[in-house]
Amino acid sequence: MAENDGREGVVMVSNEQSPDLPREELLEVLAQQRAGLRNAVRGLTETQAAAQPTASSLCAGGLIKHVARTERGWISVRLAGRPDPDPPSPEHWDAEFRLGTGENLPSALALYDEVARETEEIVRALPDLDYAVKLPEAPWFPPNATWTARRILLHLIAETARHAGHADIIRESLDGATAYELLASG
């Protein structure tokens, strides 16, 4: 609830009427980062979406696929305990960042939309953001470590923003288009 505190142009925000404001704010910021990533691939051809125009082996379409699968892994699989319909292969980790046979940009974007809906449904159904889950066994996590839903959302926001930046660089390398130009073009 927003209220004017009597000073010109100053508005105070209160959580009294909306106890889930932090949850909704985190979901909103994640949605904004997703939109930035989606914007970077808008209008690309299939050839451009699969191209690797920089020194890295990343491609714009592969980044969409990777971020969608990563978000599903953290939210649907780890947080909600659902089975992973397409688990990553540690032997072929680099395939996570490319569009493979039968994959294309529209299918990667459709997966991303599906994952976004799953994420919002699961996060809104949690009792609170302090709900914690055990982290997977991995050399980069301490043994028996846990993360809260809040920490997982913050991690996904950072991961999505990082890859949106990668996609911006790839896009500019492909056709010179910048994020600002793409947003302005509608």
N, C-alpha and C. Protein backbone atom coordinates (compact mmCIF):
# COMPACT_ATOMS: atom_id res chain seq x y z
N MET A 1 0.84 -1.17 0.00
CA MET A 1 0.00 0.00 0.00
C MET A 1 0.89 1.24 0.00
N ALA A 2 0.67 2.16 -0.94
CA ALA A 2 1.48 3.37 -1.04
C ALA A 2 0.73 4.53 -0.40
N GLU A 3 1.46 5.33 0.38
CA GLU A 3 0.86 6.49 1.03
C GLU A 3 1.80 7.67 0.91
N ASN A 4 1.23 8.88 0.75
CA ASN A 4 2.03 10.09 0.75
C ASN A 4 2.32 10.43 2.20
N ASP A 5 3.61 10.67 2.52
CA ASP A 5 3.95 10.96 3.91
C ASP A 5 3.91 12.46 4.22
N GLY A 6 3.35 13.27 3.32
CA GLY A 6 3.23 14.71 3.55
C GLY A 6 4.31 15.52 2.86
N ARG A 7 5.41 14.90 2.47
CA ARG A 7 6.45 15.61 1.76
C ARG A 7 6.17 15.54 0.26
N GLU A 8 6.45 16.58 -0.45
CA GLU A 8 6.20 16.67 -1.89
C GLU A 8 6.96 15.55 -2.62
N GLY A 9 6.21 14.72 -3.34
CA GLY A 9 6.81 13.69 -4.19
C GLY A 9 7.33 12.47 -3.45
N VAL A 10 7.14 12.37 -2.15
CA VAL A 10 7.64 11.23 -1.39
C VAL A 10 6.47 10.29 -1.09
N VAL A 11 6.63 9.05 -1.48
CA VAL A 11 5.60 8.05 -1.24
C VAL A 11 6.23 6.91 -0.45
N MET A 12 5.59 6.53 0.62
CA MET A 12 6.07 5.41 1.45
C MET A 12 5.30 4.15 1.04
N VAL A 13 6.01 3.03 0.99
CA VAL A 13 5.38 1.77 0.65
C VAL A 13 5.30 0.92 1.90
N SER A 14 4.12 0.40 2.16
CA SER A 14 3.89 -0.43 3.33
C SER A 14 3.55 -1.84 2.90
N ASN A 15 4.06 -2.81 3.63
CA ASN A 15 3.76 -4.22 3.35
C ASN A 15 2.54 -4.71 4.12
N GLU A 16 1.90 -3.83 4.89
CA GLU A 16 0.79 -4.25 5.74
C GLU A 16 -0.32 -4.94 4.97
N GLN A 17 -0.69 -4.42 3.81
CA GLN A 17 -1.78 -4.98 3.04
C GLN A 17 -1.32 -6.12 2.14
N SER A 18 -0.02 -6.27 1.95
CA SER A 18 0.50 -7.28 1.03
C SER A 18 1.68 -8.01 1.65
N PRO A 19 1.40 -9.01 2.49
CA PRO A 19 2.49 -9.73 3.14
C PRO A 19 3.38 -10.49 2.16
N ASP A 20 2.91 -10.73 0.94
CA ASP A 20 3.70 -11.44 -0.05
C ASP A 20 4.46 -10.52 -0.98
N LEU A 21 4.57 -9.23 -0.60
CA LEU A 21 5.27 -8.29 -1.46
C LEU A 21 6.69 -8.77 -1.81
N PRO A 22 7.51 -9.23 -0.87
CA PRO A 22 8.85 -9.70 -1.26
C PRO A 22 8.78 -10.84 -2.28
N ARG A 23 7.87 -11.76 -2.13
CA ARG A 23 7.73 -12.88 -3.07
C ARG A 23 7.37 -12.33 -4.46
N GLU A 24 6.40 -11.43 -4.51
CA GLU A 24 5.97 -10.87 -5.79
C GLU A 24 7.05 -9.99 -6.41
N GLU A 25 7.80 -9.27 -5.57
CA GLU A 25 8.90 -8.46 -6.10
C GLU A 25 9.97 -9.33 -6.73
N LEU A 26 10.33 -10.42 -6.08
CA LEU A 26 11.34 -11.32 -6.64
C LEU A 26 10.85 -11.94 -7.95
N LEU A 27 9.59 -12.35 -7.99
CA LEU A 27 9.04 -12.91 -9.23
C LEU A 27 9.01 -11.85 -10.34
N GLU A 28 8.70 -10.61 -9.97
CA GLU A 28 8.68 -9.53 -10.96
C GLU A 28 10.08 -9.25 -11.52
N VAL A 29 11.09 -9.21 -10.64
CA VAL A 29 12.45 -8.97 -11.10
C VAL A 29 12.92 -10.13 -11.99
N LEU A 30 12.59 -11.35 -11.63
CA LEU A 30 12.94 -12.49 -12.47
C LEU A 30 12.26 -12.37 -13.83
N ALA A 31 10.99 -11.98 -13.84
CA ALA A 31 10.27 -11.79 -15.11
C ALA A 31 10.91 -10.69 -15.95
N GLN A 32 11.38 -9.63 -15.32
CA GLN A 32 12.06 -8.56 -16.06
C GLN A 32 13.35 -9.07 -16.70
N GLN A 33 14.09 -9.89 -15.97
CA GLN A 33 15.33 -10.43 -16.52
C GLN A 33 15.04 -11.40 -17.68
N ARG A 34 13.98 -12.20 -17.51
CA ARG A 34 13.58 -13.08 -18.61
C ARG A 34 13.24 -12.27 -19.86
N ALA A 35 12.51 -11.16 -19.65
CA ALA A 35 12.12 -10.31 -20.78
C ALA A 35 13.35 -9.73 -21.47
N GLY A 36 14.35 -9.35 -20.71
CA GLY A 36 15.59 -8.85 -21.31
C GLY A 36 16.27 -9.90 -22.17
N LEU A 37 16.30 -11.12 -21.69
CA LEU A 37 16.90 -12.21 -22.45
C LEU A 37 16.08 -12.49 -23.71
N ARG A 38 14.78 -12.54 -23.57
CA ARG A 38 13.90 -12.76 -24.73
C ARG A 38 14.06 -11.64 -25.76
N ASN A 39 14.21 -10.42 -25.28
CA ASN A 39 14.36 -9.28 -26.18
C ASN A 39 15.61 -9.43 -27.05
N ALA A 40 16.67 -9.97 -26.47
CA ALA A 40 17.93 -10.11 -27.21
C ALA A 40 17.81 -11.07 -28.39
N VAL A 41 16.84 -11.97 -28.38
CA VAL A 41 16.69 -12.93 -29.48
C VAL A 41 15.54 -12.58 -30.42
N ARG A 42 14.82 -11.50 -30.10
CA ARG A 42 13.65 -11.13 -30.90
C ARG A 42 14.07 -10.85 -32.34
N GLY A 43 13.39 -11.51 -33.27
CA GLY A 43 13.62 -11.27 -34.68
C GLY A 43 14.79 -12.02 -35.28
N LEU A 44 15.48 -12.83 -34.49
CA LEU A 44 16.60 -13.59 -35.05
C LEU A 44 16.09 -14.72 -35.96
N THR A 45 16.84 -15.01 -36.99
CA THR A 45 16.56 -16.17 -37.82
C THR A 45 17.07 -17.41 -37.09
N GLU A 46 16.69 -18.56 -37.54
CA GLU A 46 17.20 -19.81 -36.93
C GLU A 46 18.72 -19.90 -37.06
N THR A 47 19.24 -19.47 -38.19
CA THR A 47 20.69 -19.49 -38.39
C THR A 47 21.38 -18.56 -37.39
N GLN A 48 20.83 -17.36 -37.20
CA GLN A 48 21.39 -16.43 -36.23
C GLN A 48 21.27 -16.96 -34.81
N ALA A 49 20.14 -17.56 -34.47
CA ALA A 49 19.91 -18.08 -33.12
C ALA A 49 20.90 -19.18 -32.76
N ALA A 50 21.39 -19.90 -33.76
CA ALA A 50 22.34 -21.00 -33.52
C ALA A 50 23.79 -20.58 -33.74
N ALA A 51 24.01 -19.37 -34.24
CA ALA A 51 25.36 -18.90 -34.55
C ALA A 51 26.17 -18.64 -33.30
N GLN A 52 27.49 -18.80 -33.44
CA GLN A 52 28.43 -18.55 -32.34
C GLN A 52 29.41 -17.48 -32.80
N PRO A 53 28.98 -16.21 -32.82
CA PRO A 53 29.78 -15.15 -33.43
C PRO A 53 30.90 -14.56 -32.56
N THR A 54 31.01 -15.01 -31.32
CA THR A 54 32.03 -14.46 -30.42
C THR A 54 33.09 -15.50 -30.14
N ALA A 55 34.05 -15.16 -29.32
CA ALA A 55 35.13 -16.09 -28.97
C ALA A 55 34.62 -17.29 -28.18
N SER A 56 33.45 -17.17 -27.55
CA SER A 56 32.90 -18.29 -26.78
C SER A 56 32.10 -19.20 -27.70
N SER A 57 31.67 -20.32 -27.17
CA SER A 57 30.85 -21.25 -27.96
C SER A 57 29.36 -21.03 -27.70
N LEU A 58 29.01 -19.92 -27.04
CA LEU A 58 27.61 -19.64 -26.74
C LEU A 58 26.86 -19.17 -27.99
N CYS A 59 25.59 -19.53 -28.03
CA CYS A 59 24.70 -18.99 -29.07
C CYS A 59 23.43 -18.49 -28.37
N ALA A 60 22.75 -17.55 -29.00
CA ALA A 60 21.58 -16.92 -28.37
C ALA A 60 20.48 -17.93 -28.07
N GLY A 61 20.16 -18.79 -29.01
CA GLY A 61 19.12 -19.80 -28.79
C GLY A 61 19.50 -20.78 -27.69
N GLY A 62 20.78 -21.14 -27.65
CA GLY A 62 21.26 -22.04 -26.60
C GLY A 62 21.17 -21.42 -25.22
N LEU A 63 21.37 -20.10 -25.14
CA LEU A 63 21.24 -19.43 -23.84
C LEU A 63 19.80 -19.50 -23.34
N ILE A 64 18.83 -19.31 -24.24
CA ILE A 64 17.42 -19.43 -23.84
C ILE A 64 17.17 -20.85 -23.30
N LYS A 65 17.61 -21.84 -24.05
CA LYS A 65 17.44 -23.24 -23.63
C LYS A 65 18.09 -23.48 -22.27
N HIS A 66 19.33 -23.04 -22.11
CA HIS A 66 20.07 -23.26 -20.85
C HIS A 66 19.37 -22.60 -19.67
N VAL A 67 18.97 -21.35 -19.82
CA VAL A 67 18.36 -20.64 -18.70
C VAL A 67 17.01 -21.26 -18.35
N ALA A 68 16.25 -21.68 -19.35
CA ALA A 68 14.97 -22.35 -19.08
C ALA A 68 15.21 -23.64 -18.30
N ARG A 69 16.16 -24.44 -18.76
CA ARG A 69 16.42 -25.72 -18.09
C ARG A 69 17.00 -25.51 -16.69
N THR A 70 17.83 -24.49 -16.53
CA THR A 70 18.39 -24.19 -15.21
C THR A 70 17.29 -23.76 -14.24
N GLU A 71 16.41 -22.88 -14.70
CA GLU A 71 15.30 -22.43 -13.85
C GLU A 71 14.42 -23.62 -13.47
N ARG A 72 14.11 -24.48 -14.42
CA ARG A 72 13.29 -25.66 -14.12
C ARG A 72 14.00 -26.54 -13.10
N GLY A 73 15.30 -26.72 -13.27
CA GLY A 73 16.06 -27.55 -12.34
C GLY A 73 16.01 -27.03 -10.91
N TRP A 74 16.13 -25.72 -10.75
CA TRP A 74 16.09 -25.15 -9.41
C TRP A 74 14.68 -25.11 -8.83
N ILE A 75 13.70 -24.73 -9.62
CA ILE A 75 12.36 -24.52 -9.06
C ILE A 75 11.53 -25.79 -9.09
N SER A 76 11.30 -26.33 -10.24
CA SER A 76 10.41 -27.48 -10.37
C SER A 76 11.03 -28.75 -9.78
N VAL A 77 12.30 -28.97 -10.11
CA VAL A 77 12.95 -30.21 -9.65
C VAL A 77 13.43 -30.08 -8.20
N ARG A 78 14.26 -29.09 -7.92
CA ARG A 78 14.85 -28.98 -6.58
C ARG A 78 13.82 -28.50 -5.56
N LEU A 79 13.16 -27.37 -5.84
CA LEU A 79 12.26 -26.77 -4.85
C LEU A 79 10.95 -27.54 -4.70
N ALA A 80 10.35 -27.97 -5.82
CA ALA A 80 9.05 -28.66 -5.75
C ALA A 80 9.18 -30.18 -5.73
N GLY A 81 10.38 -30.70 -6.00
CA GLY A 81 10.58 -32.15 -5.94
C GLY A 81 9.98 -32.93 -7.10
N ARG A 82 9.72 -32.24 -8.20
CA ARG A 82 9.16 -32.91 -9.38
C ARG A 82 10.28 -33.59 -10.17
N PRO A 83 9.94 -34.63 -10.94
CA PRO A 83 10.98 -35.26 -11.77
C PRO A 83 11.39 -34.33 -12.91
N ASP A 84 12.66 -34.44 -13.31
CA ASP A 84 13.17 -33.63 -14.42
C ASP A 84 12.83 -34.35 -15.71
N PRO A 85 12.00 -33.74 -16.59
CA PRO A 85 11.63 -34.40 -17.83
C PRO A 85 12.78 -34.50 -18.83
N ASP A 86 13.84 -33.72 -18.64
CA ASP A 86 14.96 -33.72 -19.57
C ASP A 86 16.25 -33.40 -18.82
N PRO A 87 16.72 -34.35 -18.00
CA PRO A 87 17.88 -34.05 -17.16
C PRO A 87 19.13 -33.78 -18.00
N PRO A 88 19.96 -32.83 -17.56
CA PRO A 88 21.19 -32.55 -18.30
C PRO A 88 22.15 -33.72 -18.21
N SER A 89 22.96 -33.85 -19.23
CA SER A 89 23.96 -34.91 -19.28
C SER A 89 25.32 -34.33 -18.92
N PRO A 90 25.92 -34.76 -17.81
CA PRO A 90 27.23 -34.21 -17.43
C PRO A 90 28.29 -34.46 -18.50
N GLU A 91 28.16 -35.54 -19.25
CA GLU A 91 29.14 -35.85 -20.30
C GLU A 91 29.02 -34.90 -21.49
N HIS A 92 27.86 -34.31 -21.66
CA HIS A 92 27.62 -33.43 -22.80
C HIS A 92 27.12 -32.06 -22.33
N TRP A 93 27.79 -31.51 -21.31
CA TRP A 93 27.37 -30.26 -20.71
C TRP A 93 27.30 -29.13 -21.74
N ASP A 94 28.23 -29.14 -22.71
CA ASP A 94 28.25 -28.07 -23.70
C ASP A 94 27.00 -28.06 -24.57
N ALA A 95 26.31 -29.20 -24.71
CA ALA A 95 25.08 -29.27 -25.50
C ALA A 95 23.97 -28.44 -24.86
N GLU A 96 24.09 -28.19 -23.58
CA GLU A 96 23.11 -27.38 -22.85
C GLU A 96 23.05 -25.96 -23.41
N PHE A 97 24.14 -25.50 -24.02
CA PHE A 97 24.25 -24.13 -24.51
C PHE A 97 24.09 -24.00 -26.02
N ARG A 98 23.66 -25.06 -26.67
CA ARG A 98 23.45 -25.05 -28.12
C ARG A 98 22.07 -25.58 -28.44
N LEU A 99 21.57 -25.20 -29.60
CA LEU A 99 20.32 -25.79 -30.10
C LEU A 99 20.71 -27.05 -30.84
N GLY A 100 20.20 -28.19 -30.38
CA GLY A 100 20.53 -29.46 -30.99
C GLY A 100 19.55 -29.84 -32.09
N THR A 101 19.72 -31.05 -32.58
CA THR A 101 18.85 -31.57 -33.62
C THR A 101 17.40 -31.54 -33.14
N GLY A 102 16.53 -30.99 -33.95
CA GLY A 102 15.11 -30.91 -33.60
C GLY A 102 14.77 -29.75 -32.69
N GLU A 103 15.76 -28.98 -32.26
CA GLU A 103 15.50 -27.82 -31.41
C GLU A 103 15.63 -26.56 -32.25
N ASN A 104 14.80 -25.57 -31.92
CA ASN A 104 14.88 -24.30 -32.62
C ASN A 104 14.50 -23.19 -31.64
N LEU A 105 14.64 -21.97 -32.08
CA LEU A 105 14.35 -20.84 -31.21
C LEU A 105 12.90 -20.82 -30.72
N PRO A 106 11.91 -21.05 -31.60
CA PRO A 106 10.53 -21.07 -31.08
C PRO A 106 10.30 -22.15 -30.01
N SER A 107 10.91 -23.32 -30.18
CA SER A 107 10.72 -24.36 -29.16
C SER A 107 11.42 -23.99 -27.87
N ALA A 108 12.59 -23.35 -27.95
CA ALA A 108 13.30 -22.91 -26.74
C ALA A 108 12.49 -21.83 -26.02
N LEU A 109 11.91 -20.90 -26.77
CA LEU A 109 11.09 -19.85 -26.16
C LEU A 109 9.81 -20.42 -25.56
N ALA A 110 9.22 -21.42 -26.21
CA ALA A 110 8.02 -22.07 -25.66
C ALA A 110 8.36 -22.76 -24.34
N LEU A 111 9.51 -23.44 -24.30
CA LEU A 111 9.96 -24.07 -23.06
C LEU A 111 10.14 -23.00 -21.97
N TYR A 112 10.74 -21.89 -22.33
CA TYR A 112 10.97 -20.81 -21.37
C TYR A 112 9.65 -20.28 -20.81
N ASP A 113 8.64 -20.12 -21.67
CA ASP A 113 7.31 -19.68 -21.21
C ASP A 113 6.70 -20.70 -20.25
N GLU A 114 6.82 -21.98 -20.60
CA GLU A 114 6.29 -23.05 -19.75
C GLU A 114 6.97 -23.04 -18.38
N VAL A 115 8.28 -22.91 -18.38
CA VAL A 115 9.05 -22.90 -17.14
C VAL A 115 8.68 -21.67 -16.30
N ALA A 116 8.48 -20.53 -16.93
CA ALA A 116 8.10 -19.32 -16.19
C ALA A 116 6.76 -19.53 -15.48
N ARG A 117 5.81 -20.14 -16.18
CA ARG A 117 4.51 -20.41 -15.54
C ARG A 117 4.67 -21.38 -14.37
N GLU A 118 5.47 -22.44 -14.56
CA GLU A 118 5.73 -23.40 -13.47
C GLU A 118 6.34 -22.68 -12.27
N THR A 119 7.34 -21.85 -12.53
CA THR A 119 8.03 -21.14 -11.45
C THR A 119 7.05 -20.31 -10.65
N GLU A 120 6.23 -19.52 -11.33
CA GLU A 120 5.29 -18.64 -10.61
C GLU A 120 4.28 -19.46 -9.81
N GLU A 121 3.80 -20.55 -10.38
CA GLU A 121 2.85 -21.42 -9.67
C GLU A 121 3.49 -22.02 -8.42
N ILE A 122 4.69 -22.55 -8.57
CA ILE A 122 5.37 -23.22 -7.45
C ILE A 122 5.73 -22.21 -6.36
N VAL A 123 6.31 -21.09 -6.73
CA VAL A 123 6.75 -20.10 -5.74
C VAL A 123 5.55 -19.52 -4.99
N ARG A 124 4.48 -19.26 -5.69
CA ARG A 124 3.29 -18.70 -5.02
C ARG A 124 2.63 -19.73 -4.09
N ALA A 125 2.85 -21.01 -4.33
CA ALA A 125 2.25 -22.05 -3.49
C ALA A 125 3.09 -22.37 -2.25
N LEU A 126 4.31 -21.89 -2.20
CA LEU A 126 5.17 -22.16 -1.04
C LEU A 126 4.60 -21.49 0.21
N PRO A 127 4.78 -22.11 1.38
CA PRO A 127 4.29 -21.48 2.60
C PRO A 127 4.94 -20.12 2.85
N ASP A 128 6.23 -20.00 2.55
CA ASP A 128 6.95 -18.73 2.64
C ASP A 128 8.29 -18.89 1.94
N LEU A 129 9.02 -17.79 1.81
CA LEU A 129 10.30 -17.83 1.10
C LEU A 129 11.43 -18.41 1.94
N ASP A 130 11.15 -18.72 3.21
CA ASP A 130 12.15 -19.38 4.05
C ASP A 130 12.14 -20.89 3.86
N TYR A 131 11.22 -21.40 3.06
CA TYR A 131 11.18 -22.83 2.74
C TYR A 131 12.54 -23.21 2.17
N ALA A 132 13.18 -24.23 2.75
CA ALA A 132 14.55 -24.59 2.35
C ALA A 132 14.61 -26.02 1.82
N VAL A 133 15.53 -26.20 0.89
CA VAL A 133 15.77 -27.53 0.31
C VAL A 133 17.27 -27.81 0.32
N LYS A 134 17.58 -29.10 0.33
CA LYS A 134 18.97 -29.53 0.30
C LYS A 134 19.51 -29.30 -1.11
N LEU A 135 20.74 -28.81 -1.17
CA LEU A 135 21.39 -28.59 -2.46
C LEU A 135 21.90 -29.92 -3.02
N PRO A 136 22.04 -29.99 -4.33
CA PRO A 136 22.57 -31.22 -4.91
C PRO A 136 24.04 -31.41 -4.52
N GLU A 137 24.48 -32.63 -4.54
CA GLU A 137 25.89 -32.91 -4.28
C GLU A 137 26.68 -32.39 -5.48
N ALA A 138 27.59 -31.47 -5.22
CA ALA A 138 28.42 -30.89 -6.28
C ALA A 138 29.66 -30.30 -5.62
N PRO A 139 30.77 -30.28 -6.33
CA PRO A 139 32.00 -29.76 -5.72
C PRO A 139 31.92 -28.28 -5.35
N TRP A 140 31.00 -27.55 -5.93
CA TRP A 140 30.90 -26.11 -5.65
C TRP A 140 29.94 -25.79 -4.50
N PHE A 141 29.28 -26.82 -3.93
CA PHE A 141 28.42 -26.61 -2.77
C PHE A 141 29.01 -27.35 -1.57
N PRO A 142 28.91 -26.77 -0.37
CA PRO A 142 29.36 -27.50 0.82
C PRO A 142 28.49 -28.74 1.03
N PRO A 143 29.01 -29.78 1.65
CA PRO A 143 28.20 -30.98 1.90
C PRO A 143 26.98 -30.64 2.75
N ASN A 144 25.85 -31.24 2.42
CA ASN A 144 24.59 -31.10 3.15
C ASN A 144 24.09 -29.66 3.27
N ALA A 145 24.47 -28.81 2.34
CA ALA A 145 24.02 -27.42 2.38
C ALA A 145 22.57 -27.30 1.93
N THR A 146 21.91 -26.26 2.41
CA THR A 146 20.54 -25.97 2.00
C THR A 146 20.46 -24.51 1.54
N TRP A 147 19.48 -24.25 0.69
CA TRP A 147 19.15 -22.89 0.28
C TRP A 147 17.66 -22.70 0.48
N THR A 148 17.30 -21.48 0.83
CA THR A 148 15.89 -21.13 0.93
C THR A 148 15.34 -20.81 -0.47
N ALA A 149 14.03 -20.78 -0.58
CA ALA A 149 13.40 -20.39 -1.84
C ALA A 149 13.86 -18.98 -2.22
N ARG A 150 14.00 -18.10 -1.24
CA ARG A 150 14.47 -16.74 -1.49
C ARG A 150 15.85 -16.75 -2.14
N ARG A 151 16.76 -17.54 -1.59
CA ARG A 151 18.13 -17.61 -2.13
C ARG A 151 18.12 -18.20 -3.53
N ILE A 152 17.28 -19.19 -3.77
CA ILE A 152 17.18 -19.79 -5.11
C ILE A 152 16.67 -18.75 -6.11
N LEU A 153 15.66 -17.98 -5.73
CA LEU A 153 15.16 -16.93 -6.62
C LEU A 153 16.23 -15.89 -6.91
N LEU A 154 16.97 -15.48 -5.89
CA LEU A 154 18.04 -14.51 -6.10
C LEU A 154 19.11 -15.09 -7.03
N HIS A 155 19.43 -16.36 -6.86
CA HIS A 155 20.40 -17.02 -7.74
C HIS A 155 19.89 -17.04 -9.18
N LEU A 156 18.62 -17.35 -9.38
CA LEU A 156 18.05 -17.37 -10.73
C LEU A 156 18.02 -15.99 -11.36
N ILE A 157 17.75 -14.97 -10.57
CA ILE A 157 17.77 -13.60 -11.09
C ILE A 157 19.19 -13.27 -11.59
N ALA A 158 20.19 -13.60 -10.79
CA ALA A 158 21.58 -13.34 -11.18
C ALA A 158 21.96 -14.15 -12.42
N GLU A 159 21.60 -15.42 -12.44
CA GLU A 159 21.92 -16.29 -13.58
C GLU A 159 21.26 -15.78 -14.86
N THR A 160 20.02 -15.38 -14.77
CA THR A 160 19.30 -14.90 -15.94
C THR A 160 19.89 -13.58 -16.42
N ALA A 161 20.19 -12.68 -15.51
CA ALA A 161 20.79 -11.39 -15.88
C ALA A 161 22.15 -11.60 -16.54
N ARG A 162 22.95 -12.50 -15.99
CA ARG A 162 24.27 -12.78 -16.56
C ARG A 162 24.13 -13.25 -18.00
N HIS A 163 23.22 -14.18 -18.23
CA HIS A 163 23.07 -14.72 -19.58
C HIS A 163 22.35 -13.74 -20.51
N ALA A 164 21.52 -12.86 -19.97
CA ALA A 164 20.93 -11.81 -20.81
C ALA A 164 22.04 -10.90 -21.34
N GLY A 165 23.03 -10.63 -20.51
CA GLY A 165 24.18 -9.84 -20.96
C GLY A 165 24.96 -10.56 -22.05
N HIS A 166 25.15 -11.88 -21.87
CA HIS A 166 25.81 -12.66 -22.92
C HIS A 166 25.02 -12.57 -24.22
N ALA A 167 23.70 -12.70 -24.11
CA ALA A 167 22.86 -12.67 -25.31
C ALA A 167 22.92 -11.30 -25.99
N ASP A 168 23.01 -10.23 -25.20
CA ASP A 168 23.14 -8.90 -25.78
C ASP A 168 24.42 -8.80 -26.61
N ILE A 169 25.52 -9.33 -26.09
CA ILE A 169 26.79 -9.29 -26.81
C ILE A 169 26.71 -10.12 -28.08
N ILE A 170 26.12 -11.30 -27.99
CA ILE A 170 25.96 -12.15 -29.16
C ILE A 170 25.11 -11.44 -30.21
N ARG A 171 24.00 -10.86 -29.77
CA ARG A 171 23.10 -10.17 -30.70
C ARG A 171 23.82 -9.03 -31.40
N GLU A 172 24.54 -8.23 -30.65
CA GLU A 172 25.25 -7.11 -31.27
C GLU A 172 26.32 -7.61 -32.23
N SER A 173 26.94 -8.75 -31.92
CA SER A 173 27.93 -9.33 -32.82
C SER A 173 27.30 -9.84 -34.11
N LEU A 174 26.05 -10.30 -34.01
CA LEU A 174 25.35 -10.84 -35.19
C LEU A 174 24.92 -9.76 -36.16
N ASP A 175 24.23 -8.73 -35.65
CA ASP A 175 23.65 -7.75 -36.57
C ASP A 175 23.77 -6.31 -36.11
N GLY A 176 24.55 -6.08 -35.06
CA GLY A 176 24.75 -4.72 -34.59
C GLY A 176 23.63 -4.17 -33.73
N ALA A 177 22.54 -4.91 -33.59
CA ALA A 177 21.41 -4.43 -32.80
C ALA A 177 21.76 -4.42 -31.31
N THR A 178 21.36 -3.35 -30.64
CA THR A 178 21.57 -3.25 -29.19
C THR A 178 20.24 -3.42 -28.48
N ALA A 179 20.31 -3.71 -27.21
CA ALA A 179 19.09 -3.90 -26.41
C ALA A 179 18.19 -2.67 -26.49
N TYR A 180 18.77 -1.50 -26.43
CA TYR A 180 17.97 -0.27 -26.48
C TYR A 180 17.25 -0.14 -27.82
N GLU A 181 17.95 -0.43 -28.90
CA GLU A 181 17.33 -0.36 -30.23
C GLU A 181 16.20 -1.37 -30.35
N LEU A 182 16.44 -2.58 -29.82
CA LEU A 182 15.42 -3.63 -29.90
C LEU A 182 14.19 -3.25 -29.09
N LEU A 183 14.39 -2.65 -27.91
CA LEU A 183 13.24 -2.22 -27.11
C LEU A 183 12.49 -1.09 -27.78
N ALA A 184 13.22 -0.16 -28.37
CA ALA A 184 12.59 0.98 -29.01
C ALA A 184 11.80 0.57 -30.26
N SER A 185 12.22 -0.53 -30.89
CA SER A 185 11.53 -0.96 -32.11
C SER A 185 10.23 -1.70 -31.79
N GLY A 186 9.98 -1.92 -30.51
CA GLY A 186 8.71 -2.47 -30.10
C GLY A 186 8.65 -3.92 -30.11
